[in-house]
Amino acid sequence: MHAPPPSQVQPSGSLVVQGGQCWESEARSFGTSASGQSLVCIDGGAGGYRWVQHAPNSGEVHNIGDPCNHPDDQVAVDPEGKVIMCGGPNSTWSAGP
């Protein structure tokens, strides 16, 4: 009988640095760098999850798919507190690029 492989434990949070790696569990979350810069964790595809700059945050709560007023509306959060952005051909709130 073989022992199960050791599980890989993710730290509770990544270091918030522009261009730095973040965890899947942090996707669509805001973070603040040591210099006070507000960043968001995005899925960069093959490049993995990364901390990037974002448009101004309205502080409002909207649902994905609801209409928005692009370019006036830029970044908000959904009811779960995850970052959403306004855009697309129909100007609706979406989960991101």
N, C-alpha and C. Protein backbone atom coordinates (compact mmCIF):
# COMPACT_ATOMS: atom_id res chain seq x y z
N MET A 1 0.85 -1.18 0.00
CA MET A 1 0.00 0.00 0.00
C MET A 1 0.90 1.23 0.00
N HIS A 2 0.61 2.16 -0.89
CA HIS A 2 1.40 3.37 -1.02
C HIS A 2 0.74 4.52 -0.27
N ALA A 3 1.57 5.36 0.29
CA ALA A 3 1.05 6.57 0.94
C ALA A 3 0.59 7.55 -0.14
N PRO A 4 -0.45 8.32 0.14
CA PRO A 4 -0.90 9.31 -0.84
C PRO A 4 0.17 10.37 -1.04
N PRO A 5 0.22 10.96 -2.23
CA PRO A 5 1.22 12.01 -2.46
C PRO A 5 0.94 13.21 -1.56
N PRO A 6 1.98 13.91 -1.16
CA PRO A 6 1.75 15.08 -0.31
C PRO A 6 0.94 16.12 -1.07
N SER A 7 0.03 16.75 -0.37
CA SER A 7 -0.77 17.79 -1.02
C SER A 7 0.00 19.10 -1.03
N GLN A 8 -0.23 19.86 -2.06
CA GLN A 8 0.44 21.15 -2.17
C GLN A 8 -0.46 22.18 -1.51
N VAL A 9 0.02 22.83 -0.49
CA VAL A 9 -0.77 23.80 0.26
C VAL A 9 -0.44 25.20 -0.25
N GLN A 10 -1.48 25.93 -0.62
CA GLN A 10 -1.28 27.31 -1.04
C GLN A 10 -1.22 28.20 0.20
N PRO A 11 -0.40 29.23 0.16
CA PRO A 11 -0.39 30.16 1.28
C PRO A 11 -1.72 30.89 1.35
N SER A 12 -2.00 31.53 2.47
CA SER A 12 -3.28 32.19 2.65
C SER A 12 -3.47 33.35 1.69
N GLY A 13 -2.40 33.94 1.22
CA GLY A 13 -2.51 35.04 0.28
C GLY A 13 -1.17 35.29 -0.38
N SER A 14 -1.22 35.76 -1.60
CA SER A 14 0.02 36.03 -2.32
C SER A 14 0.52 37.43 -1.99
N LEU A 15 1.76 37.70 -2.34
CA LEU A 15 2.33 39.03 -2.18
C LEU A 15 1.78 39.89 -3.31
N VAL A 16 1.10 40.98 -2.95
CA VAL A 16 0.46 41.84 -3.94
C VAL A 16 1.50 42.78 -4.55
N VAL A 17 1.94 42.44 -5.76
CA VAL A 17 2.94 43.21 -6.50
C VAL A 17 2.49 43.25 -7.96
N GLN A 18 2.49 44.43 -8.58
CA GLN A 18 2.08 44.52 -9.98
C GLN A 18 2.88 43.54 -10.83
N GLY A 19 2.16 42.69 -11.57
CA GLY A 19 2.78 41.68 -12.42
C GLY A 19 3.14 40.41 -11.68
N GLY A 20 3.02 40.42 -10.35
CA GLY A 20 3.36 39.25 -9.55
C GLY A 20 2.28 38.19 -9.60
N GLN A 21 2.65 36.98 -9.22
CA GLN A 21 1.72 35.85 -9.23
C GLN A 21 0.71 35.99 -8.10
N CYS A 22 -0.54 35.62 -8.41
CA CYS A 22 -1.57 35.48 -7.38
C CYS A 22 -2.21 34.11 -7.56
N TRP A 23 -3.00 33.70 -6.60
CA TRP A 23 -3.60 32.37 -6.61
C TRP A 23 -4.97 32.39 -7.26
N GLU A 24 -5.38 31.25 -7.80
CA GLU A 24 -6.71 31.12 -8.40
C GLU A 24 -7.79 31.53 -7.40
N SER A 25 -7.59 31.21 -6.14
CA SER A 25 -8.56 31.57 -5.11
C SER A 25 -8.68 33.08 -4.91
N GLU A 26 -7.71 33.84 -5.41
CA GLU A 26 -7.73 35.30 -5.30
C GLU A 26 -8.26 35.98 -6.57
N ALA A 27 -8.59 35.19 -7.59
CA ALA A 27 -9.03 35.75 -8.87
C ALA A 27 -10.22 36.68 -8.66
N ARG A 28 -10.19 37.80 -9.38
CA ARG A 28 -11.23 38.83 -9.34
C ARG A 28 -11.35 39.47 -7.96
N SER A 29 -10.24 39.48 -7.21
CA SER A 29 -10.20 40.15 -5.91
C SER A 29 -9.26 41.34 -5.97
N PHE A 30 -9.59 42.38 -5.21
CA PHE A 30 -8.70 43.52 -5.09
C PHE A 30 -7.59 43.20 -4.10
N GLY A 31 -6.45 43.80 -4.30
CA GLY A 31 -5.33 43.72 -3.37
C GLY A 31 -4.63 45.06 -3.36
N THR A 32 -3.90 45.35 -2.30
CA THR A 32 -3.16 46.61 -2.19
C THR A 32 -1.69 46.29 -2.02
N SER A 33 -0.87 46.88 -2.89
CA SER A 33 0.58 46.66 -2.82
C SER A 33 1.17 47.41 -1.63
N ALA A 34 2.41 47.12 -1.32
CA ALA A 34 3.10 47.79 -0.21
C ALA A 34 3.16 49.30 -0.42
N SER A 35 3.14 49.74 -1.68
CA SER A 35 3.19 51.18 -1.97
C SER A 35 1.80 51.82 -1.97
N GLY A 36 0.75 51.01 -1.71
CA GLY A 36 -0.61 51.53 -1.65
C GLY A 36 -1.37 51.47 -2.96
N GLN A 37 -0.79 50.85 -3.99
CA GLN A 37 -1.43 50.74 -5.29
C GLN A 37 -2.51 49.66 -5.26
N SER A 38 -3.71 49.98 -5.74
CA SER A 38 -4.79 49.01 -5.81
C SER A 38 -4.63 48.17 -7.07
N LEU A 39 -4.64 46.85 -6.90
CA LEU A 39 -4.47 45.91 -8.01
C LEU A 39 -5.60 44.88 -7.95
N VAL A 40 -5.77 44.14 -9.04
CA VAL A 40 -6.75 43.06 -9.09
C VAL A 40 -6.06 41.81 -9.63
N CYS A 41 -6.43 40.66 -9.10
CA CYS A 41 -5.89 39.39 -9.55
C CYS A 41 -6.73 38.89 -10.72
N ILE A 42 -6.06 38.65 -11.86
CA ILE A 42 -6.77 38.17 -13.06
C ILE A 42 -6.18 36.85 -13.54
N ASP A 43 -6.97 36.11 -14.30
CA ASP A 43 -6.49 34.89 -14.94
C ASP A 43 -5.79 35.30 -16.23
N GLY A 44 -4.48 35.17 -16.26
CA GLY A 44 -3.70 35.55 -17.43
C GLY A 44 -3.55 34.42 -18.43
N GLY A 45 -4.40 33.41 -18.37
CA GLY A 45 -4.31 32.29 -19.31
C GLY A 45 -3.07 31.46 -19.04
N ALA A 46 -2.29 31.20 -20.09
CA ALA A 46 -1.09 30.37 -19.95
C ALA A 46 -0.07 31.00 -19.02
N GLY A 47 -0.14 32.32 -18.83
CA GLY A 47 0.78 33.01 -17.93
C GLY A 47 0.40 32.88 -16.47
N GLY A 48 -0.72 32.25 -16.18
CA GLY A 48 -1.16 32.09 -14.80
C GLY A 48 -1.87 33.33 -14.27
N TYR A 49 -2.18 33.30 -13.00
CA TYR A 49 -2.88 34.40 -12.35
C TYR A 49 -1.88 35.47 -11.97
N ARG A 50 -2.23 36.75 -12.25
CA ARG A 50 -1.31 37.86 -12.02
C ARG A 50 -2.03 39.07 -11.43
N TRP A 51 -1.29 39.85 -10.64
CA TRP A 51 -1.79 41.13 -10.11
C TRP A 51 -1.58 42.20 -11.18
N VAL A 52 -2.65 42.93 -11.53
CA VAL A 52 -2.58 43.97 -12.55
C VAL A 52 -3.33 45.22 -12.09
N GLN A 53 -3.01 46.35 -12.75
CA GLN A 53 -3.74 47.58 -12.49
C GLN A 53 -5.16 47.44 -13.01
N HIS A 54 -6.05 48.27 -12.50
CA HIS A 54 -7.43 48.25 -12.96
C HIS A 54 -7.94 49.68 -13.11
N ALA A 55 -9.05 49.81 -13.83
CA ALA A 55 -9.72 51.10 -14.00
C ALA A 55 -10.28 51.54 -12.64
N PRO A 56 -10.70 52.79 -12.54
CA PRO A 56 -11.26 53.26 -11.26
C PRO A 56 -12.42 52.39 -10.79
N ASN A 57 -12.45 52.12 -9.49
CA ASN A 57 -13.49 51.31 -8.86
C ASN A 57 -14.61 52.23 -8.39
N SER A 58 -15.82 51.99 -8.88
CA SER A 58 -16.96 52.83 -8.50
C SER A 58 -17.41 52.56 -7.07
N GLY A 59 -17.06 51.39 -6.53
CA GLY A 59 -17.54 51.02 -5.20
C GLY A 59 -18.97 50.51 -5.21
N GLU A 60 -19.56 50.41 -6.39
CA GLU A 60 -20.94 49.95 -6.52
C GLU A 60 -21.00 48.43 -6.65
N VAL A 61 -22.21 47.88 -6.43
CA VAL A 61 -22.46 46.45 -6.57
C VAL A 61 -23.42 46.25 -7.74
N HIS A 62 -23.04 45.38 -8.68
CA HIS A 62 -23.87 45.07 -9.85
C HIS A 62 -23.81 43.57 -10.11
N ASN A 63 -24.75 43.07 -10.90
CA ASN A 63 -24.76 41.67 -11.31
C ASN A 63 -24.14 41.51 -12.68
N ILE A 64 -23.40 40.42 -12.88
CA ILE A 64 -22.86 40.11 -14.20
C ILE A 64 -24.02 40.00 -15.19
N GLY A 65 -23.87 40.64 -16.34
CA GLY A 65 -24.90 40.63 -17.37
C GLY A 65 -25.83 41.83 -17.34
N ASP A 66 -25.85 42.56 -16.21
CA ASP A 66 -26.67 43.76 -16.15
C ASP A 66 -26.08 44.83 -17.06
N PRO A 67 -26.92 45.72 -17.60
CA PRO A 67 -26.40 46.79 -18.44
C PRO A 67 -25.55 47.78 -17.63
N CYS A 68 -24.56 48.36 -18.31
CA CYS A 68 -23.73 49.39 -17.68
C CYS A 68 -23.53 50.51 -18.70
N ASN A 69 -22.96 51.61 -18.27
CA ASN A 69 -22.77 52.77 -19.12
C ASN A 69 -21.30 52.94 -19.44
N HIS A 70 -20.83 52.19 -20.44
CA HIS A 70 -19.42 52.26 -20.84
C HIS A 70 -19.21 53.53 -21.65
N PRO A 71 -18.23 54.38 -21.44
CA PRO A 71 -17.06 54.19 -20.58
C PRO A 71 -17.19 54.80 -19.19
N ASP A 72 -18.36 55.37 -18.84
CA ASP A 72 -18.50 55.99 -17.52
C ASP A 72 -18.35 54.97 -16.40
N ASP A 73 -19.04 53.83 -16.50
CA ASP A 73 -18.88 52.75 -15.53
C ASP A 73 -17.64 51.96 -15.93
N GLN A 74 -16.79 51.65 -14.98
CA GLN A 74 -15.57 50.94 -15.34
C GLN A 74 -15.38 49.66 -14.54
N VAL A 75 -15.24 49.77 -13.22
CA VAL A 75 -15.01 48.60 -12.37
C VAL A 75 -15.94 48.71 -11.16
N ALA A 76 -16.53 47.59 -10.80
CA ALA A 76 -17.40 47.49 -9.62
C ALA A 76 -17.20 46.08 -9.05
N VAL A 77 -18.09 45.67 -8.17
CA VAL A 77 -18.05 44.30 -7.63
C VAL A 77 -19.43 43.67 -7.80
N ASP A 78 -19.45 42.33 -7.83
CA ASP A 78 -20.72 41.61 -7.88
C ASP A 78 -21.20 41.39 -6.44
N PRO A 79 -22.38 40.81 -6.24
CA PRO A 79 -22.89 40.62 -4.88
C PRO A 79 -21.98 39.75 -3.98
N GLU A 80 -21.09 38.95 -4.59
CA GLU A 80 -20.15 38.14 -3.81
C GLU A 80 -18.86 38.90 -3.49
N GLY A 81 -18.76 40.16 -3.96
CA GLY A 81 -17.58 40.97 -3.70
C GLY A 81 -16.46 40.77 -4.69
N LYS A 82 -16.71 40.05 -5.78
CA LYS A 82 -15.70 39.82 -6.82
C LYS A 82 -15.71 40.96 -7.83
N VAL A 83 -14.54 41.31 -8.35
CA VAL A 83 -14.39 42.41 -9.30
C VAL A 83 -15.08 42.09 -10.62
N ILE A 84 -15.84 43.06 -11.14
CA ILE A 84 -16.44 42.96 -12.47
C ILE A 84 -16.12 44.24 -13.23
N MET A 85 -16.21 44.16 -14.57
CA MET A 85 -15.91 45.34 -15.37
C MET A 85 -17.00 45.58 -16.40
N CYS A 86 -17.14 46.84 -16.78
CA CYS A 86 -18.14 47.24 -17.76
C CYS A 86 -17.50 47.23 -19.14
N GLY A 87 -18.18 46.64 -20.12
CA GLY A 87 -17.65 46.66 -21.47
C GLY A 87 -18.37 45.72 -22.39
N GLY A 88 -17.72 45.40 -23.48
CA GLY A 88 -18.29 44.50 -24.46
C GLY A 88 -19.21 45.24 -25.42
N PRO A 89 -19.63 44.55 -26.47
CA PRO A 89 -20.45 45.19 -27.50
C PRO A 89 -21.82 45.65 -26.99
N ASN A 90 -22.31 45.02 -25.92
CA ASN A 90 -23.63 45.38 -25.39
C ASN A 90 -23.55 46.22 -24.12
N SER A 91 -22.35 46.65 -23.73
CA SER A 91 -22.14 47.42 -22.50
C SER A 91 -22.84 46.76 -21.31
N THR A 92 -22.28 45.61 -20.91
CA THR A 92 -22.80 44.90 -19.75
C THR A 92 -21.66 44.61 -18.78
N TRP A 93 -22.03 44.33 -17.53
CA TRP A 93 -21.04 43.95 -16.52
C TRP A 93 -20.59 42.53 -16.79
N SER A 94 -19.26 42.30 -16.77
CA SER A 94 -18.72 40.97 -17.03
C SER A 94 -17.64 40.63 -16.01
N ALA A 95 -17.26 39.35 -15.98
CA ALA A 95 -16.27 38.88 -15.01
C ALA A 95 -14.86 39.34 -15.34
N GLY A 96 -14.63 39.87 -16.52
CA GLY A 96 -13.29 40.37 -16.83
C GLY A 96 -12.89 40.11 -18.26
N PRO A 97 -11.65 40.50 -18.55
CA PRO A 97 -11.19 40.39 -19.94
C PRO A 97 -11.06 38.95 -20.40
